[in-house]
Amino acid sequence: SLWMEKKLYQKSLEILSDFLECDFDLSNFSFISRQLKKIILRQKIKILKTDYHLFKKNNGVTLIFILSNSHLALHTWPEKRLVNLDLFICNFTRNYEKQINNIYREVKNLLKPKKTILKKIIRIT
C-alpha cells in the first residue's frame, strides 16, 4: 500500500479502557489530577495544557491533558465506581507504545479496579 511504500505514516497506539469497581476515592479530583500529571511526566511526555470540568451532581470529573503528542482524557463516575480512559500518543518519527502501556498500567494501579475492559486500537499518524 502507499503508506507502507513511502513510509509516509507511522502506526500509533490508542488505548480505550473502562475501569470498573474502582477501590479508590474517585471524588478526590485534585489528588487524581496530581497523580496523573506525575505518571505522564515520568514517561518524559510534555503536558501542554490541562483542563477539567467537575460535575456537582455526582462529584465526577472530565479531566483532559493535552500532550505534545496527543492526549489523555479521564472521566470519573464516583457513584458507579467507574472510570473511562482514553489515551493516545502519536509521533511521526517515534513509537510510543512502551510509554502508553506504562501510563495505562500506572493509572490502573492508582485506581485499583476489580474489573477492566481494554481496547487497543492501531491508529495511522
PDB file of N, CA and C in Angstrom:
ATOM      1  N   SER A   1       0.829  -1.186   0.000  1.00  0.00           N
ATOM      2  CA  SER A   1       0.000   0.000   0.000  1.00  0.00           C
ATOM      3  C   SER A   1       0.874   1.252   0.000  1.00  0.00           C
ATOM      4  N   LEU A   2       0.270   2.367  -0.312  1.00  0.00           N
ATOM      5  CA  LEU A   2       1.006   3.623  -0.446  1.00  0.00           C
ATOM      6  C   LEU A   2       1.721   4.011   0.844  1.00  0.00           C
ATOM      7  N   TRP A   3       1.050   3.888   1.976  1.00  0.00           N
ATOM      8  CA  TRP A   3       1.681   4.352   3.218  1.00  0.00           C
ATOM      9  C   TRP A   3       2.867   3.494   3.606  1.00  0.00           C
ATOM     10  N   MET A   4       2.852   2.217   3.257  1.00  0.00           N
ATOM     11  CA  MET A   4       3.992   1.354   3.556  1.00  0.00           C
ATOM     12  C   MET A   4       5.139   1.624   2.587  1.00  0.00           C
ATOM     13  N   GLU A   5       4.825   1.825   1.319  1.00  0.00           N
ATOM     14  CA  GLU A   5       5.861   2.025   0.316  1.00  0.00           C
ATOM     15  C   GLU A   5       6.663   3.289   0.577  1.00  0.00           C
ATOM     16  N   LYS A   6       5.993   4.356   0.857  1.00  0.00           N
ATOM     17  CA  LYS A   6       6.680   5.638   1.013  1.00  0.00           C
ATOM     18  C   LYS A   6       6.962   5.982   2.472  1.00  0.00           C
ATOM     19  N   LYS A   7       6.507   5.138   3.407  1.00  0.00           N
ATOM     20  CA  LYS A   7       6.694   5.384   4.832  1.00  0.00           C
ATOM     21  C   LYS A   7       6.227   6.783   5.215  1.00  0.00           C
ATOM     22  N   LEU A   8       5.082   7.146   4.691  1.00  0.00           N
ATOM     23  CA  LEU A   8       4.522   8.463   4.981  1.00  0.00           C
ATOM     24  C   LEU A   8       3.891   8.509   6.372  1.00  0.00           C
ATOM     25  N   TYR A   9       3.526   7.335   6.874  1.00  0.00           N
ATOM     26  CA  TYR A   9       2.764   7.295   8.102  1.00  0.00           C
ATOM     27  C   TYR A   9       3.424   6.391   9.133  1.00  0.00           C
ATOM     28  N   GLN A  10       3.045   6.591  10.363  1.00  0.00           N
ATOM     29  CA  GLN A  10       3.527   5.785  11.473  1.00  0.00           C
ATOM     30  C   GLN A  10       2.306   5.106  12.096  1.00  0.00           C
ATOM     31  N   LYS A  11       2.460   3.892  12.560  1.00  0.00           N
ATOM     32  CA  LYS A  11       1.396   3.249  13.320  1.00  0.00           C
ATOM     33  C   LYS A  11       1.537   3.692  14.771  1.00  0.00           C
ATOM     34  N   SER A  12       0.446   4.164  15.345  1.00  0.00           N
ATOM     35  CA  SER A  12       0.443   4.613  16.734  1.00  0.00           C
ATOM     36  C   SER A  12      -0.661   3.881  17.483  1.00  0.00           C
ATOM     37  N   LEU A  13      -0.478   3.753  18.785  1.00  0.00           N
ATOM     38  CA  LEU A  13      -1.414   3.013  19.621  1.00  0.00           C
ATOM     39  C   LEU A  13      -2.317   3.958  20.398  1.00  0.00           C
ATOM     40  N   GLU A  14      -3.596   3.632  20.426  1.00  0.00           N
ATOM     41  CA  GLU A  14      -4.547   4.334  21.291  1.00  0.00           C
ATOM     42  C   GLU A  14      -5.173   3.297  22.220  1.00  0.00           C
ATOM     43  N   ILE A  15      -5.312   3.667  23.474  1.00  0.00           N
ATOM     44  CA  ILE A  15      -5.920   2.785  24.465  1.00  0.00           C
ATOM     45  C   ILE A  15      -7.220   3.407  24.942  1.00  0.00           C
ATOM     46  N   LEU A  16      -8.271   2.619  24.895  1.00  0.00           N
ATOM     47  CA  LEU A  16      -9.553   2.978  25.498  1.00  0.00           C
ATOM     48  C   LEU A  16      -9.799   1.935  26.578  1.00  0.00           C
ATOM     49  N   SER A  17     -10.088   2.396  27.778  1.00  0.00           N
ATOM     50  CA  SER A  17     -10.285   1.443  28.852  1.00  0.00           C
ATOM     51  C   SER A  17     -11.378   1.898  29.798  1.00  0.00           C
ATOM     52  N   ASP A  18     -12.099   0.925  30.327  1.00  0.00           N
ATOM     53  CA  ASP A  18     -13.084   1.161  31.376  1.00  0.00           C
ATOM     54  C   ASP A  18     -12.589   0.443  32.619  1.00  0.00           C
ATOM     55  N   PHE A  19     -12.471   1.188  33.702  1.00  0.00           N
ATOM     56  CA  PHE A  19     -12.071   0.623  34.990  1.00  0.00           C
ATOM     57  C   PHE A  19     -13.322   0.537  35.852  1.00  0.00           C
ATOM     58  N   LEU A  20     -13.733  -0.670  36.193  1.00  0.00           N
ATOM     59  CA  LEU A  20     -14.964  -0.892  36.946  1.00  0.00           C
ATOM     60  C   LEU A  20     -14.664  -1.288  38.389  1.00  0.00           C
ATOM     61  N   GLU A  21     -15.576  -0.918  39.283  1.00  0.00           N
ATOM     62  CA  GLU A  21     -15.470  -1.242  40.704  1.00  0.00           C
ATOM     63  C   GLU A  21     -14.131  -0.775  41.277  1.00  0.00           C
ATOM     64  N   CYS A  22     -13.794   0.489  41.007  1.00  0.00           N
ATOM     65  CA  CYS A  22     -12.524   1.052  41.474  1.00  0.00           C
ATOM     66  C   CYS A  22     -12.515   1.145  42.998  1.00  0.00           C
ATOM     67  N   ASP A  23     -11.430   0.699  43.581  1.00  0.00           N
ATOM     68  CA  ASP A  23     -11.237   0.767  45.028  1.00  0.00           C
ATOM     69  C   ASP A  23     -10.422   2.021  45.339  1.00  0.00           C
ATOM     70  N   PHE A  24     -10.980   3.182  44.990  1.00  0.00           N
ATOM     71  CA  PHE A  24     -10.284   4.455  45.094  1.00  0.00           C
ATOM     72  C   PHE A  24     -11.338   5.545  45.222  1.00  0.00           C
ATOM     73  N   ASP A  25     -11.027   6.608  45.951  1.00  0.00           N
ATOM     74  CA  ASP A  25     -11.970   7.717  46.113  1.00  0.00           C
ATOM     75  C   ASP A  25     -11.983   8.557  44.833  1.00  0.00           C
ATOM     76  N   LEU A  26     -12.912   8.266  43.949  1.00  0.00           N
ATOM     77  CA  LEU A  26     -12.972   8.934  42.651  1.00  0.00           C
ATOM     78  C   LEU A  26     -13.453  10.372  42.739  1.00  0.00           C
ATOM     79  N   SER A  27     -13.953  10.787  43.905  1.00  0.00           N
ATOM     80  CA  SER A  27     -14.368  12.189  44.056  1.00  0.00           C
ATOM     81  C   SER A  27     -13.196  13.084  44.453  1.00  0.00           C
ATOM     82  N   ASN A  28     -12.024  12.496  44.690  1.00  0.00           N
ATOM     83  CA  ASN A  28     -10.836  13.266  45.070  1.00  0.00           C
ATOM     84  C   ASN A  28     -10.118  13.756  43.809  1.00  0.00           C
ATOM     85  N   PHE A  29     -10.733  14.724  43.145  1.00  0.00           N
ATOM     86  CA  PHE A  29     -10.251  15.217  41.852  1.00  0.00           C
ATOM     87  C   PHE A  29      -8.827  15.748  41.910  1.00  0.00           C
ATOM     88  N   SER A  30      -8.500  16.560  42.921  1.00  0.00           N
ATOM     89  CA  SER A  30      -7.173  17.183  42.952  1.00  0.00           C
ATOM     90  C   SER A  30      -6.069  16.132  43.085  1.00  0.00           C
ATOM     91  N   PHE A  31      -6.304  15.096  43.863  1.00  0.00           N
ATOM     92  CA  PHE A  31      -5.307  14.035  44.013  1.00  0.00           C
ATOM     93  C   PHE A  31      -5.138  13.268  42.704  1.00  0.00           C
ATOM     94  N   ILE A  32      -6.263  12.923  42.066  1.00  0.00           N
ATOM     95  CA  ILE A  32      -6.201  12.208  40.783  1.00  0.00           C
ATOM     96  C   ILE A  32      -5.419  13.036  39.756  1.00  0.00           C
ATOM     97  N   SER A  33      -5.713  14.325  39.676  1.00  0.00           N
ATOM     98  CA  SER A  33      -5.047  15.202  38.720  1.00  0.00           C
ATOM     99  C   SER A  33      -3.535  15.256  38.959  1.00  0.00           C
ATOM    100  N   ARG A  34      -3.144  15.420  40.213  1.00  0.00           N
ATOM    101  CA  ARG A  34      -1.702  15.468  40.542  1.00  0.00           C
ATOM    102  C   ARG A  34      -1.010  14.147  40.201  1.00  0.00           C
ATOM    103  N   GLN A  35      -1.665  13.050  40.518  1.00  0.00           N
ATOM    104  CA  GLN A  35      -1.060  11.740  40.250  1.00  0.00           C
ATOM    105  C   GLN A  35      -0.941  11.475  38.753  1.00  0.00           C
ATOM    106  N   LEU A  36      -1.962  11.839  37.985  1.00  0.00           N
ATOM    107  CA  LEU A  36      -1.877  11.646  36.530  1.00  0.00           C
ATOM    108  C   LEU A  36      -0.751  12.478  35.935  1.00  0.00           C
ATOM    109  N   LYS A  37      -0.609  13.695  36.415  1.00  0.00           N
ATOM    110  CA  LYS A  37       0.488  14.552  35.926  1.00  0.00           C
ATOM    111  C   LYS A  37       1.840  13.882  36.185  1.00  0.00           C
ATOM    112  N   LYS A  38       2.015  13.344  37.379  1.00  0.00           N
ATOM    113  CA  LYS A  38       3.283  12.647  37.709  1.00  0.00           C
ATOM    114  C   LYS A  38       3.493  11.435  36.812  1.00  0.00           C
ATOM    115  N   ILE A  39       2.425  10.675  36.588  1.00  0.00           N
ATOM    116  CA  ILE A  39       2.519   9.483  35.742  1.00  0.00           C
ATOM    117  C   ILE A  39       2.948   9.855  34.325  1.00  0.00           C
ATOM    118  N   ILE A  40       2.345  10.888  33.763  1.00  0.00           N
ATOM    119  CA  ILE A  40       2.683  11.327  32.401  1.00  0.00           C
ATOM    120  C   ILE A  40       4.126  11.824  32.336  1.00  0.00           C
ATOM    121  N   LEU A  41       4.507  12.648  33.294  1.00  0.00           N
ATOM    122  CA  LEU A  41       5.862  13.223  33.280  1.00  0.00           C
ATOM    123  C   LEU A  41       6.941  12.165  33.490  1.00  0.00           C
ATOM    124  N   ARG A  42       6.627  11.109  34.231  1.00  0.00           N
ATOM    125  CA  ARG A  42       7.604  10.019  34.413  1.00  0.00           C
ATOM    126  C   ARG A  42       7.962   9.371  33.077  1.00  0.00           C
ATOM    127  N   GLN A  43       7.037   9.436  32.120  1.00  0.00           N
ATOM    128  CA  GLN A  43       7.300   8.861  30.799  1.00  0.00           C
ATOM    129  C   GLN A  43       7.950   9.870  29.848  1.00  0.00           C
ATOM    130  N   LYS A  44       8.334  11.015  30.412  1.00  0.00           N
ATOM    131  CA  LYS A  44       9.016  12.072  29.652  1.00  0.00           C
ATOM    132  C   LYS A  44       8.157  12.592  28.489  1.00  0.00           C
ATOM    133  N   ILE A  45       6.884  12.755  28.780  1.00  0.00           N
ATOM    134  CA  ILE A  45       5.940  13.307  27.812  1.00  0.00           C
ATOM    135  C   ILE A  45       5.535  14.687  28.306  1.00  0.00           C
ATOM    136  N   LYS A  46       5.603  15.657  27.417  1.00  0.00           N
ATOM    137  CA  LYS A  46       5.324  17.048  27.776  1.00  0.00           C
ATOM    138  C   LYS A  46       3.820  17.314  27.804  1.00  0.00           C
ATOM    139  N   ILE A  47       3.378  17.945  28.900  1.00  0.00           N
ATOM    140  CA  ILE A  47       1.984  18.353  29.031  1.00  0.00           C
ATOM    141  C   ILE A  47       1.882  19.804  28.570  1.00  0.00           C
ATOM    142  N   LEU A  48       1.064  20.047  27.549  1.00  0.00           N
ATOM    143  CA  LEU A  48       0.896  21.395  27.026  1.00  0.00           C
ATOM    144  C   LEU A  48      -0.195  22.160  27.779  1.00  0.00           C
ATOM    145  N   LYS A  49      -1.264  21.461  28.149  1.00  0.00           N
ATOM    146  CA  LYS A  49      -2.384  22.118  28.815  1.00  0.00           C
ATOM    147  C   LYS A  49      -3.198  21.066  29.552  1.00  0.00           C
ATOM    148  N   THR A  50      -3.791  21.477  30.658  1.00  0.00           N
ATOM    149  CA  THR A  50      -4.702  20.618  31.411  1.00  0.00           C
ATOM    150  C   THR A  50      -6.008  21.375  31.589  1.00  0.00           C
ATOM    151  N   ASP A  51      -7.116  20.684  31.411  1.00  0.00           N
ATOM    152  CA  ASP A  51      -8.409  21.306  31.655  1.00  0.00           C
ATOM    153  C   ASP A  51      -9.327  20.251  32.258  1.00  0.00           C
ATOM    154  N   TYR A  52     -10.404  20.714  32.896  1.00  0.00           N
ATOM    155  CA  TYR A  52     -11.312  19.781  33.550  1.00  0.00           C
ATOM    156  C   TYR A  52     -12.682  20.417  33.719  1.00  0.00           C
ATOM    157  N   HIS A  53     -13.631  19.546  33.974  1.00  0.00           N
ATOM    158  CA  HIS A  53     -14.968  20.002  34.358  1.00  0.00           C
ATOM    159  C   HIS A  53     -15.444  19.104  35.494  1.00  0.00           C
ATOM    160  N   LEU A  54     -15.822  19.733  36.614  1.00  0.00           N
ATOM    161  CA  LEU A  54     -16.367  19.000  37.759  1.00  0.00           C
ATOM    162  C   LEU A  54     -17.886  18.959  37.641  1.00  0.00           C
ATOM    163  N   PHE A  55     -18.440  17.799  37.884  1.00  0.00           N
ATOM    164  CA  PHE A  55     -19.887  17.621  37.854  1.00  0.00           C
ATOM    165  C   PHE A  55     -20.395  17.591  39.292  1.00  0.00           C
ATOM    166  N   LYS A  56     -21.108  18.637  39.687  1.00  0.00           N
ATOM    167  CA  LYS A  56     -21.562  18.768  41.081  1.00  0.00           C
ATOM    168  C   LYS A  56     -22.565  17.687  41.466  1.00  0.00           C
ATOM    169  N   LYS A  57     -23.341  17.232  40.501  1.00  0.00           N
ATOM    170  CA  LYS A  57     -24.393  16.256  40.806  1.00  0.00           C
ATOM    171  C   LYS A  57     -23.820  14.953  41.382  1.00  0.00           C
ATOM    172  N   ASN A  58     -22.672  14.506  40.849  1.00  0.00           N
ATOM    173  CA  ASN A  58     -22.119  13.222  41.304  1.00  0.00           C
ATOM    174  C   ASN A  58     -20.649  13.307  41.733  1.00  0.00           C
ATOM    175  N   ASN A  59     -20.070  14.508  41.782  1.00  0.00           N
ATOM    176  CA  ASN A  59     -18.644  14.707  42.112  1.00  0.00           C
ATOM    177  C   ASN A  59     -17.718  14.040  41.105  1.00  0.00           C
ATOM    178  N   GLY A  60     -18.218  13.788  39.903  1.00  0.00           N
ATOM    179  CA  GLY A  60     -17.384  13.234  38.849  1.00  0.00           C
ATOM    180  C   GLY A  60     -16.597  14.338  38.159  1.00  0.00           C
ATOM    181  N   VAL A  61     -15.677  13.931  37.323  1.00  0.00           N
ATOM    182  CA  VAL A  61     -14.840  14.897  36.614  1.00  0.00           C
ATOM    183  C   VAL A  61     -14.522  14.380  35.218  1.00  0.00           C
ATOM    184  N   THR A  62     -14.428  15.292  34.278  1.00  0.00           N
ATOM    185  CA  THR A  62     -13.785  15.028  32.998  1.00  0.00           C
ATOM    186  C   THR A  62     -12.484  15.805  33.040  1.00  0.00           C
ATOM    187  N   LEU A  63     -11.390  15.097  32.900  1.00  0.00           N
ATOM    188  CA  LEU A  63     -10.054  15.667  33.020  1.00  0.00           C
ATOM    189  C   LEU A  63      -9.302  15.394  31.727  1.00  0.00           C
ATOM    190  N   ILE A  64      -8.777  16.453  31.124  1.00  0.00           N
ATOM    191  CA  ILE A  64      -8.074  16.326  29.838  1.00  0.00           C
ATOM    192  C   ILE A  64      -6.657  16.865  29.972  1.00  0.00           C
ATOM    193  N   PHE A  65      -5.708  16.059  29.532  1.00  0.00           N
ATOM    194  CA  PHE A  65      -4.328  16.517  29.398  1.00  0.00           C
ATOM    195  C   PHE A  65      -4.045  16.587  27.902  1.00  0.00           C
ATOM    196  N   ILE A  66      -3.751  17.778  27.417  1.00  0.00           N
ATOM    197  CA  ILE A  66      -3.317  17.916  26.029  1.00  0.00           C
ATOM    198  C   ILE A  66      -1.800  17.774  26.058  1.00  0.00           C
ATOM    199  N   LEU A  67      -1.326  16.771  25.361  1.00  0.00           N
ATOM    200  CA  LEU A  67       0.093  16.423  25.376  1.00  0.00           C
ATOM    201  C   LEU A  67       0.770  16.901  24.098  1.00  0.00           C
ATOM    202  N   SER A  68       2.077  17.011  24.154  1.00  0.00           N
ATOM    203  CA  SER A  68       2.813  17.409  22.955  1.00  0.00           C
ATOM    204  C   SER A  68       2.589  16.409  21.827  1.00  0.00           C
ATOM    205  N   ASN A  69       2.194  15.201  22.173  1.00  0.00           N
ATOM    206  CA  ASN A  69       1.996  14.154  21.184  1.00  0.00           C
ATOM    207  C   ASN A  69       0.560  13.653  21.101  1.00  0.00           C
ATOM    208  N   SER A  70      -0.377  14.273  21.761  1.00  0.00           N
ATOM    209  CA  SER A  70      -1.805  13.975  21.646  1.00  0.00           C
ATOM    210  C   SER A  70      -2.533  14.234  22.956  1.00  0.00           C
ATOM    211  N   HIS A  71      -3.151  13.195  23.583  1.00  0.00           N
ATOM    212  CA  HIS A  71      -3.991  13.493  24.740  1.00  0.00           C
ATOM    213  C   HIS A  71      -4.188  12.304  25.680  1.00  0.00           C
ATOM    214  N   LEU A  72      -4.588  12.638  26.895  1.00  0.00           N
ATOM    215  CA  LEU A  72      -5.118  11.682  27.855  1.00  0.00           C
ATOM    216  C   LEU A  72      -6.407  12.296  28.390  1.00  0.00           C
ATOM    217  N   ALA A  73      -7.502  11.554  28.294  1.00  0.00           N
ATOM    218  CA  ALA A  73      -8.784  12.008  28.832  1.00  0.00           C
ATOM    219  C   ALA A  73      -9.259  10.974  29.840  1.00  0.00           C
ATOM    220  N   LEU A  74      -9.762  11.473  30.965  1.00  0.00           N
ATOM    221  CA  LEU A  74     -10.245  10.611  32.033  1.00  0.00           C
ATOM    222  C   LEU A  74     -11.617  11.115  32.462  1.00  0.00           C
ATOM    223  N   HIS A  75     -12.568  10.200  32.586  1.00  0.00           N
ATOM    224  CA  HIS A  75     -13.929  10.548  33.000  1.00  0.00           C
ATOM    225  C   HIS A  75     -14.271   9.682  34.208  1.00  0.00           C
ATOM    226  N   THR A  76     -14.592  10.314  35.342  1.00  0.00           N
ATOM    227  CA  THR A  76     -14.902   9.542  36.547  1.00  0.00           C
ATOM    228  C   THR A  76     -16.394   9.568  36.836  1.00  0.00           C
ATOM    229  N   TRP A  77     -16.884   8.474  37.362  1.00  0.00           N
ATOM    230  CA  TRP A  77     -18.272   8.282  37.772  1.00  0.00           C
ATOM    231  C   TRP A  77     -18.225   7.716  39.196  1.00  0.00           C
ATOM    232  N   PRO A  78     -17.998   8.578  40.210  1.00  0.00           N
ATOM    233  CA  PRO A  78     -17.832   8.079  41.583  1.00  0.00           C
ATOM    234  C   PRO A  78     -18.988   7.211  42.075  1.00  0.00           C
ATOM    235  N   GLU A  79     -20.209   7.574  41.717  1.00  0.00           N
ATOM    236  CA  GLU A  79     -21.371   6.823  42.206  1.00  0.00           C
ATOM    237  C   GLU A  79     -21.435   5.411  41.625  1.00  0.00           C
ATOM    238  N   LYS A  80     -20.719   5.191  40.526  1.00  0.00           N
ATOM    239  CA  LYS A  80     -20.677   3.867  39.891  1.00  0.00           C
ATOM    240  C   LYS A  80     -19.336   3.174  40.115  1.00  0.00           C
ATOM    241  N   ARG A  81     -18.383   3.904  40.743  1.00  0.00           N
ATOM    242  CA  ARG A  81     -17.002   3.417  40.930  1.00  0.00           C
ATOM    243  C   ARG A  81     -16.386   3.059  39.564  1.00  0.00           C
ATOM    244  N   LEU A  82     -16.643   3.913  38.576  1.00  0.00           N
ATOM    245  CA  LEU A  82     -16.261   3.685  37.186  1.00  0.00           C
ATOM    246  C   LEU A  82     -15.393   4.824  36.661  1.00  0.00           C
ATOM    247  N   VAL A  83     -14.380   4.484  35.861  1.00  0.00           N
ATOM    248  CA  VAL A  83     -13.535   5.468  35.185  1.00  0.00           C
ATOM    249  C   VAL A  83     -13.387   5.035  33.729  1.00  0.00           C
ATOM    250  N   ASN A  84     -13.530   6.004  32.813  1.00  0.00           N
ATOM    251  CA  ASN A  84     -13.265   5.780  31.391  1.00  0.00           C
ATOM    252  C   ASN A  84     -11.963   6.506  31.052  1.00  0.00           C
ATOM    253  N   LEU A  85     -11.060   5.821  30.381  1.00  0.00           N
ATOM    254  CA  LEU A  85      -9.767   6.373  29.996  1.00  0.00           C
ATOM    255  C   LEU A  85      -9.618   6.327  28.484  1.00  0.00           C
ATOM    256  N   ASP A  86      -9.117   7.421  27.920  1.00  0.00           N
ATOM    257  CA  ASP A  86      -8.762   7.480  26.503  1.00  0.00           C
ATOM    258  C   ASP A  86      -7.349   8.040  26.444  1.00  0.00           C
ATOM    259  N   LEU A  87      -6.420   7.253  25.941  1.00  0.00           N
ATOM    260  CA  LEU A  87      -5.013   7.645  25.900  1.00  0.00           C
ATOM    261  C   LEU A  87      -4.474   7.429  24.494  1.00  0.00           C
ATOM    262  N   PHE A  88      -3.986   8.504  23.896  1.00  0.00           N
ATOM    263  CA  PHE A  88      -3.425   8.433  22.542  1.00  0.00           C
ATOM    264  C   PHE A  88      -2.161   9.260  22.517  1.00  0.00           C
ATOM    265  N   ILE A  89      -1.071   8.620  22.129  1.00  0.00           N
ATOM    266  CA  ILE A  89       0.205   9.323  21.982  1.00  0.00           C
ATOM    267  C   ILE A  89       0.748   8.936  20.615  1.00  0.00           C
ATOM    268  N   CYS A  90       1.030   9.943  19.800  1.00  0.00           N
ATOM    269  CA  CYS A  90       1.488   9.666  18.450  1.00  0.00           C
ATOM    270  C   CYS A  90       2.656  10.577  18.090  1.00  0.00           C
ATOM    271  N   ASN A  91       3.419  10.116  17.134  1.00  0.00           N
ATOM    272  CA  ASN A  91       4.554  10.887  16.644  1.00  0.00           C
ATOM    273  C   ASN A  91       4.986  10.271  15.327  1.00  0.00           C
ATOM    274  N   PHE A  92       5.317  11.099  14.380  1.00  0.00           N
ATOM    275  CA  PHE A  92       5.709  10.604  13.063  1.00  0.00           C
ATOM    276  C   PHE A  92       7.017   9.813  13.099  1.00  0.00           C
ATOM    277  N   THR A  93       7.924  10.191  13.994  1.00  0.00           N
ATOM    278  CA  THR A  93       9.260   9.602  13.965  1.00  0.00           C
ATOM    279  C   THR A  93       9.532   8.588  15.072  1.00  0.00           C
ATOM    280  N   ARG A  94       8.605   8.419  16.003  1.00  0.00           N
ATOM    281  CA  ARG A  94       8.901   7.570  17.152  1.00  0.00           C
ATOM    282  C   ARG A  94       7.670   6.764  17.560  1.00  0.00           C
ATOM    283  N   ASN A  95       7.902   5.545  18.011  1.00  0.00           N
ATOM    284  CA  ASN A  95       6.834   4.692  18.509  1.00  0.00           C
ATOM    285  C   ASN A  95       6.742   4.861  20.033  1.00  0.00           C
ATOM    286  N   TYR A  96       5.560   5.219  20.530  1.00  0.00           N
ATOM    287  CA  TYR A  96       5.350   5.469  21.957  1.00  0.00           C
ATOM    288  C   TYR A  96       4.603   4.331  22.652  1.00  0.00           C
ATOM    289  N   GLU A  97       4.581   3.163  22.071  1.00  0.00           N
ATOM    290  CA  GLU A  97       3.811   2.055  22.639  1.00  0.00           C
ATOM    291  C   GLU A  97       4.249   1.722  24.067  1.00  0.00           C
ATOM    292  N   LYS A  98       5.534   1.726  24.332  1.00  0.00           N
ATOM    293  CA  LYS A  98       6.032   1.423  25.686  1.00  0.00           C
ATOM    294  C   LYS A  98       5.505   2.451  26.695  1.00  0.00           C
ATOM    295  N   GLN A  99       5.568   3.729  26.345  1.00  0.00           N
ATOM    296  CA  GLN A  99       5.106   4.785  27.247  1.00  0.00           C
ATOM    297  C   GLN A  99       3.597   4.682  27.488  1.00  0.00           C
ATOM    298  N   ILE A 100       2.843   4.394  26.442  1.00  0.00           N
ATOM    299  CA  ILE A 100       1.391   4.253  26.579  1.00  0.00           C
ATOM    300  C   ILE A 100       1.058   3.106  27.529  1.00  0.00           C
ATOM    301  N   ASN A 101       1.705   1.971  27.327  1.00  0.00           N
ATOM    302  CA  ASN A 101       1.457   0.824  28.195  1.00  0.00           C
ATOM    303  C   ASN A 101       1.857   1.114  29.640  1.00  0.00           C
ATOM    304  N   ASN A 102       2.958   1.844  29.837  1.00  0.00           N
ATOM    305  CA  ASN A 102       3.392   2.211  31.193  1.00  0.00           C
ATOM    306  C   ASN A 102       2.380   3.137  31.860  1.00  0.00           C
ATOM    307  N   ILE A 103       1.886   4.136  31.121  1.00  0.00           N
ATOM    308  CA  ILE A 103       0.885   5.057  31.673  1.00  0.00           C
ATOM    309  C   ILE A 103      -0.384   4.282  32.025  1.00  0.00           C
ATOM    310  N   TYR A 104      -0.825   3.437  31.131  1.00  0.00           N
ATOM    311  CA  TYR A 104      -2.024   2.635  31.373  1.00  0.00           C
ATOM    312  C   TYR A 104      -1.866   1.813  32.662  1.00  0.00           C
ATOM    313  N   ARG A 105      -0.765   1.128  32.785  1.00  0.00           N
ATOM    314  CA  ARG A 105      -0.519   0.272  33.953  1.00  0.00           C
ATOM    315  C   ARG A 105      -0.514   1.090  35.249  1.00  0.00           C
ATOM    316  N   GLU A 106       0.142   2.259  35.211  1.00  0.00           N
ATOM    317  CA  GLU A 106       0.205   3.098  36.410  1.00  0.00           C
ATOM    318  C   GLU A 106      -1.158   3.665  36.784  1.00  0.00           C
ATOM    319  N   VAL A 107      -1.953   4.071  35.799  1.00  0.00           N
ATOM    320  CA  VAL A 107      -3.306   4.580  36.082  1.00  0.00           C
ATOM    321  C   VAL A 107      -4.150   3.456  36.679  1.00  0.00           C
ATOM    322  N   LYS A 108      -4.050   2.275  36.116  1.00  0.00           N
ATOM    323  CA  LYS A 108      -4.788   1.120  36.639  1.00  0.00           C
ATOM    324  C   LYS A 108      -4.370   0.829  38.082  1.00  0.00           C
ATOM    325  N   ASN A 109      -3.080   0.869  38.358  1.00  0.00           N
ATOM    326  CA  ASN A 109      -2.595   0.630  39.721  1.00  0.00           C
ATOM    327  C   ASN A 109      -3.101   1.695  40.684  1.00  0.00           C
ATOM    328  N   LEU A 110      -3.217   2.929  40.229  1.00  0.00           N
ATOM    329  CA  LEU A 110      -3.710   4.030  41.054  1.00  0.00           C
ATOM    330  C   LEU A 110      -5.185   3.820  41.414  1.00  0.00           C
ATOM    331  N   LEU A 111      -5.999   3.479  40.428  1.00  0.00           N
ATOM    332  CA  LEU A 111      -7.444   3.418  40.609  1.00  0.00           C
ATOM    333  C   LEU A 111      -7.942   2.096  41.194  1.00  0.00           C
ATOM    334  N   LYS A 112      -7.127   1.061  41.106  1.00  0.00           N
ATOM    335  CA  LYS A 112      -7.426  -0.248  41.677  1.00  0.00           C
ATOM    336  C   LYS A 112      -8.799  -0.821  41.272  1.00  0.00           C
ATOM    337  N   PRO A 113      -9.043  -0.960  39.974  1.00  0.00           N
ATOM    338  CA  PRO A 113     -10.315  -1.546  39.559  1.00  0.00           C
ATOM    339  C   PRO A 113     -10.335  -3.059  39.800  1.00  0.00           C
ATOM    340  N   LYS A 114     -11.525  -3.571  40.090  1.00  0.00           N
ATOM    341  CA  LYS A 114     -11.674  -5.030  40.216  1.00  0.00           C
ATOM    342  C   LYS A 114     -11.826  -5.654  38.825  1.00  0.00           C
ATOM    343  N   LYS A 115     -12.381  -4.886  37.889  1.00  0.00           N
ATOM    344  CA  LYS A 115     -12.565  -5.361  36.513  1.00  0.00           C
ATOM    345  C   LYS A 115     -12.078  -4.280  35.552  1.00  0.00           C
ATOM    346  N   THR A 116     -11.568  -4.722  34.416  1.00  0.00           N
ATOM    347  CA  THR A 116     -11.069  -3.790  33.406  1.00  0.00           C
ATOM    348  C   THR A 116     -11.500  -4.253  32.019  1.00  0.00           C
ATOM    349  N   ILE A 117     -11.955  -3.310  31.225  1.00  0.00           N
ATOM    350  CA  ILE A 117     -12.209  -3.567  29.811  1.00  0.00           C
ATOM    351  C   ILE A 117     -11.175  -2.742  29.044  1.00  0.00           C
ATOM    352  N   LEU A 118     -10.406  -3.386  28.203  1.00  0.00           N
ATOM    353  CA  LEU A 118      -9.308  -2.722  27.494  1.00  0.00           C
ATOM    354  C   LEU A 118      -9.468  -2.922  25.996  1.00  0.00           C
ATOM    355  N   LYS A 119      -9.358  -1.817  25.263  1.00  0.00           N
ATOM    356  CA  LYS A 119      -9.356  -1.866  23.799  1.00  0.00           C
ATOM    357  C   LYS A 119      -8.099  -1.154  23.327  1.00  0.00           C
ATOM    358  N   LYS A 120      -7.306  -1.845  22.536  1.00  0.00           N
ATOM    359  CA  LYS A 120      -6.120  -1.250  21.935  1.00  0.00           C
ATOM    360  C   LYS A 120      -6.412  -1.065  20.448  1.00  0.00           C
ATOM    361  N   ILE A 121      -6.203   0.150  19.985  1.00  0.00           N
ATOM    362  CA  ILE A 121      -6.513   0.487  18.598  1.00  0.00           C
ATOM    363  C   ILE A 121      -5.242   0.990  17.924  1.00  0.00           C
ATOM    364  N   ILE A 122      -4.930   0.450  16.781  1.00  0.00           N
ATOM    365  CA  ILE A 122      -3.794   0.946  15.993  1.00  0.00           C
ATOM    366  C   ILE A 122      -4.309   2.089  15.127  1.00  0.00           C
ATOM    367  N   ARG A 123      -3.703   3.237  15.295  1.00  0.00           N
ATOM    368  CA  ARG A 123      -4.067   4.433  14.523  1.00  0.00           C
ATOM    369  C   ARG A 123      -2.936   4.709  13.543  1.00  0.00           C
ATOM    370  N   ILE A 124      -3.271   5.352  12.460  1.00  0.00           N
ATOM    371  CA  ILE A 124      -2.272   5.769  11.467  1.00  0.00           C
ATOM    372  C   ILE A 124      -2.056   7.269  11.658  1.00  0.00           C
ATOM    373  N   THR A 125      -0.801   7.647  11.855  1.00  0.00           N
ATOM    374  CA  THR A 125      -0.483   9.067  12.082  1.00  0.00           C
ATOM    375  C   THR A 125       0.582   9.527  11.113  1.00  0.00           C
TER     376      THR A 125
END
